[in-house]
Amino acid sequence: VRTIAATAADAFEVRDEVAGSGPHIARVHWLLADVPYELDLAGSHLRLKTLAGDFIVAWRALGSTATVARADHASRRGWWSPYYNQAAPALSLAIEVPWAERAEIITTLQPAA
């Protein structure tokens, strides 16, 4: 189940919830603009350095791991297609959470303060 809510005039919170039985890994994937960035795994956020100012993608999930890929030639991560048969670099943020019965990943997207 995915819910999206505005938390401020220029911020959004996206809540992804999954439930079931048995061991699984939940994964949320964000495809973002190809701009300079800083990944802070301890702080659970990615800071995008855009021309309009810094933008933060932050997440909350128990036991989560996160990776960023850009134009990865060994996989399909970090690419977007502006036109048919065209590939351009992008930032791919993947957040993964192991779970057995229920998992929740909350992502907040907002300009930096």
C-alpha atoms as a PDB file:
ATOM      1  CA  VAL A   1       0.000   0.000   0.000  1.00  0.00           C
ATOM      2  CA  ARG A   2       1.414   3.392  -0.956  1.00  0.00           C
ATOM      3  CA  THR A   3       0.145   6.651   0.499  1.00  0.00           C
ATOM      4  CA  ILE A   4       1.377  10.141  -0.345  1.00  0.00           C
ATOM      5  CA  ALA A   5       0.760  13.179   1.821  1.00  0.00           C
ATOM      6  CA  ALA A   6       1.928  16.783   1.751  1.00  0.00           C
ATOM      7  CA  THR A   7       3.675  17.488   5.065  1.00  0.00           C
ATOM      8  CA  ALA A   8       4.431  21.144   4.346  1.00  0.00           C
ATOM      9  CA  ALA A   9       3.950  23.604   1.500  1.00  0.00           C
ATOM     10  CA  ASP A  10       6.881  22.114  -0.411  1.00  0.00           C
ATOM     11  CA  ALA A  11       7.419  18.653   1.171  1.00  0.00           C
ATOM     12  CA  PHE A  12       5.896  15.236   0.593  1.00  0.00           C
ATOM     13  CA  GLU A  13       5.889  12.040   2.599  1.00  0.00           C
ATOM     14  CA  VAL A  14       5.498   8.726   0.791  1.00  0.00           C
ATOM     15  CA  ARG A  15       4.612   5.721   2.946  1.00  0.00           C
ATOM     16  CA  ASP A  16       5.077   2.232   1.457  1.00  0.00           C
ATOM     17  CA  GLU A  17       3.711  -0.705   3.457  1.00  0.00           C
ATOM     18  CA  VAL A  18       3.852  -4.417   2.663  1.00  0.00           C
ATOM     19  CA  ALA A  19       2.522  -7.394   4.583  1.00  0.00           C
ATOM     20  CA  GLY A  20       2.647 -11.130   4.145  1.00  0.00           C
ATOM     21  CA  SER A  21       4.271 -14.205   5.602  1.00  0.00           C
ATOM     22  CA  GLY A  22       7.747 -15.611   5.257  1.00  0.00           C
ATOM     23  CA  PRO A  23      11.075 -13.843   4.756  1.00  0.00           C
ATOM     24  CA  HIS A  24      11.194 -11.155   2.065  1.00  0.00           C
ATOM     25  CA  ILE A  25      13.050  -7.998   1.112  1.00  0.00           C
ATOM     26  CA  ALA A  26      10.987  -4.890   0.423  1.00  0.00           C
ATOM     27  CA  ARG A  27      12.566  -2.444  -2.018  1.00  0.00           C
ATOM     28  CA  VAL A  28      11.654   1.134  -2.833  1.00  0.00           C
ATOM     29  CA  HIS A  29      13.377   2.561  -5.891  1.00  0.00           C
ATOM     30  CA  TRP A  30      13.615   6.256  -6.745  1.00  0.00           C
ATOM     31  CA  LEU A  31      14.903   7.461 -10.123  1.00  0.00           C
ATOM     32  CA  LEU A  32      16.250  10.994  -9.675  1.00  0.00           C
ATOM     33  CA  ALA A  33      17.877  13.785 -11.666  1.00  0.00           C
ATOM     34  CA  ASP A  34      21.508  13.379 -12.686  1.00  0.00           C
ATOM     35  CA  VAL A  35      23.022  16.010 -10.397  1.00  0.00           C
ATOM     36  CA  PRO A  36      25.889  16.001  -7.895  1.00  0.00           C
ATOM     37  CA  TYR A  37      24.852  14.348  -4.632  1.00  0.00           C
ATOM     38  CA  GLU A  38      25.932  13.385  -1.124  1.00  0.00           C
ATOM     39  CA  LEU A  39      24.746  10.076   0.338  1.00  0.00           C
ATOM     40  CA  ASP A  40      24.564   9.994   4.152  1.00  0.00           C
ATOM     41  CA  LEU A  41      23.820   6.406   5.155  1.00  0.00           C
ATOM     42  CA  ALA A  42      24.109   7.132   8.889  1.00  0.00           C
ATOM     43  CA  GLY A  43      21.592   9.974   8.538  1.00  0.00           C
ATOM     44  CA  SER A  44      19.417   8.015   6.084  1.00  0.00           C
ATOM     45  CA  HIS A  45      19.265  10.714   3.451  1.00  0.00           C
ATOM     46  CA  LEU A  46      20.479  11.711   0.006  1.00  0.00           C
ATOM     47  CA  ARG A  47      21.237  15.373  -0.692  1.00  0.00           C
ATOM     48  CA  LEU A  48      20.848  16.404  -4.322  1.00  0.00           C
ATOM     49  CA  LYS A  49      22.816  19.496  -5.385  1.00  0.00           C
ATOM     50  CA  THR A  50      20.445  21.054  -7.947  1.00  0.00           C
ATOM     51  CA  LEU A  51      20.687  24.420  -9.701  1.00  0.00           C
ATOM     52  CA  ALA A  52      17.594  25.503  -7.752  1.00  0.00           C
ATOM     53  CA  GLY A  53      19.239  24.577  -4.428  1.00  0.00           C
ATOM     54  CA  ASP A  54      19.756  21.451  -2.373  1.00  0.00           C
ATOM     55  CA  PHE A  55      16.985  18.860  -2.244  1.00  0.00           C
ATOM     56  CA  ILE A  56      16.717  16.104   0.369  1.00  0.00           C
ATOM     57  CA  VAL A  57      15.391  12.569  -0.056  1.00  0.00           C
ATOM     58  CA  ALA A  58      15.238  11.032   3.444  1.00  0.00           C
ATOM     59  CA  TRP A  59      13.921   7.639   4.537  1.00  0.00           C
ATOM     60  CA  ARG A  60      12.871   5.836   7.703  1.00  0.00           C
ATOM     61  CA  ALA A  61      12.734   2.046   7.844  1.00  0.00           C
ATOM     62  CA  LEU A  62      13.953  -0.381  10.489  1.00  0.00           C
ATOM     63  CA  GLY A  63      16.995  -2.347   9.344  1.00  0.00           C
ATOM     64  CA  SER A  64      17.170  -0.637   5.955  1.00  0.00           C
ATOM     65  CA  THR A  65      20.119  -0.451   3.602  1.00  0.00           C
ATOM     66  CA  ALA A  66      20.451   1.997   0.724  1.00  0.00           C
ATOM     67  CA  THR A  67      22.534   2.225  -2.424  1.00  0.00           C
ATOM     68  CA  VAL A  68      22.935   4.791  -5.190  1.00  0.00           C
ATOM     69  CA  ALA A  69      23.868   3.946  -8.768  1.00  0.00           C
ATOM     70  CA  ARG A  70      24.487   6.255 -11.714  1.00  0.00           C
ATOM     71  CA  ALA A  71      24.750   5.053 -15.320  1.00  0.00           C
ATOM     72  CA  ASP A  72      25.677   1.522 -14.232  1.00  0.00           C
ATOM     73  CA  HIS A  73      26.770  -0.375 -17.359  1.00  0.00           C
ATOM     74  CA  ALA A  74      26.642  -3.712 -15.495  1.00  0.00           C
ATOM     75  CA  SER A  75      22.919  -3.336 -14.725  1.00  0.00           C
ATOM     76  CA  ARG A  76      19.928  -1.225 -15.705  1.00  0.00           C
ATOM     77  CA  ARG A  77      20.248   1.016 -12.673  1.00  0.00           C
ATOM     78  CA  GLY A  78      20.946   4.689 -13.082  1.00  0.00           C
ATOM     79  CA  TRP A  79      19.466   5.227 -16.525  1.00  0.00           C
ATOM     80  CA  TRP A  80      16.359   6.888 -17.925  1.00  0.00           C
ATOM     81  CA  SER A  81      15.067   7.140 -21.463  1.00  0.00           C
ATOM     82  CA  PRO A  82      14.200  10.613 -22.760  1.00  0.00           C
ATOM     83  CA  TYR A  83      13.294   9.114 -26.165  1.00  0.00           C
ATOM     84  CA  TYR A  84      12.808   5.665 -27.642  1.00  0.00           C
ATOM     85  CA  ASN A  85      16.156   3.837 -27.996  1.00  0.00           C
ATOM     86  CA  GLN A  86      17.974   6.541 -25.999  1.00  0.00           C
ATOM     87  CA  ALA A  87      19.592   6.208 -22.583  1.00  0.00           C
ATOM     88  CA  ALA A  88      20.725   9.048 -20.348  1.00  0.00           C
ATOM     89  CA  PRO A  89      22.323   8.912 -16.874  1.00  0.00           C
ATOM     90  CA  ALA A  90      20.163   9.313 -13.792  1.00  0.00           C
ATOM     91  CA  LEU A  91      20.564   8.650 -10.079  1.00  0.00           C
ATOM     92  CA  SER A  92      18.996   5.428  -8.841  1.00  0.00           C
ATOM     93  CA  LEU A  93      18.322   5.302  -5.088  1.00  0.00           C
ATOM     94  CA  ALA A  94      17.287   1.873  -3.806  1.00  0.00           C
ATOM     95  CA  ILE A  95      16.156   1.398  -0.196  1.00  0.00           C
ATOM     96  CA  GLU A  96      15.793  -2.208   0.975  1.00  0.00           C
ATOM     97  CA  VAL A  97      14.296  -3.649   4.160  1.00  0.00           C
ATOM     98  CA  PRO A  98      14.236  -7.325   5.207  1.00  0.00           C
ATOM     99  CA  TRP A  99      10.905  -8.399   6.675  1.00  0.00           C
ATOM    100  CA  ALA A 100       8.898 -11.455   7.653  1.00  0.00           C
ATOM    101  CA  GLU A 101       5.344 -10.227   8.274  1.00  0.00           C
ATOM    102  CA  ARG A 102       5.262  -6.472   7.710  1.00  0.00           C
ATOM    103  CA  ALA A 103       7.536  -3.666   6.531  1.00  0.00           C
ATOM    104  CA  GLU A 104       7.164   0.072   6.218  1.00  0.00           C
ATOM    105  CA  ILE A 105       9.403   2.504   4.354  1.00  0.00           C
ATOM    106  CA  ILE A 106       8.684   6.206   4.765  1.00  0.00           C
ATOM    107  CA  THR A 107      10.361   8.555   2.292  1.00  0.00           C
ATOM    108  CA  THR A 108      10.317  12.326   2.678  1.00  0.00           C
ATOM    109  CA  LEU A 109      11.116  14.568  -0.301  1.00  0.00           C
ATOM    110  CA  GLN A 110      11.754  18.258   0.314  1.00  0.00           C
ATOM    111  CA  PRO A 111      14.028  21.217  -0.378  1.00  0.00           C
ATOM    112  CA  ALA A 112      16.864  21.538   2.122  1.00  0.00           C
ATOM    113  CA  ALA A 113      16.265  24.021   4.926  1.00  0.00           C
END
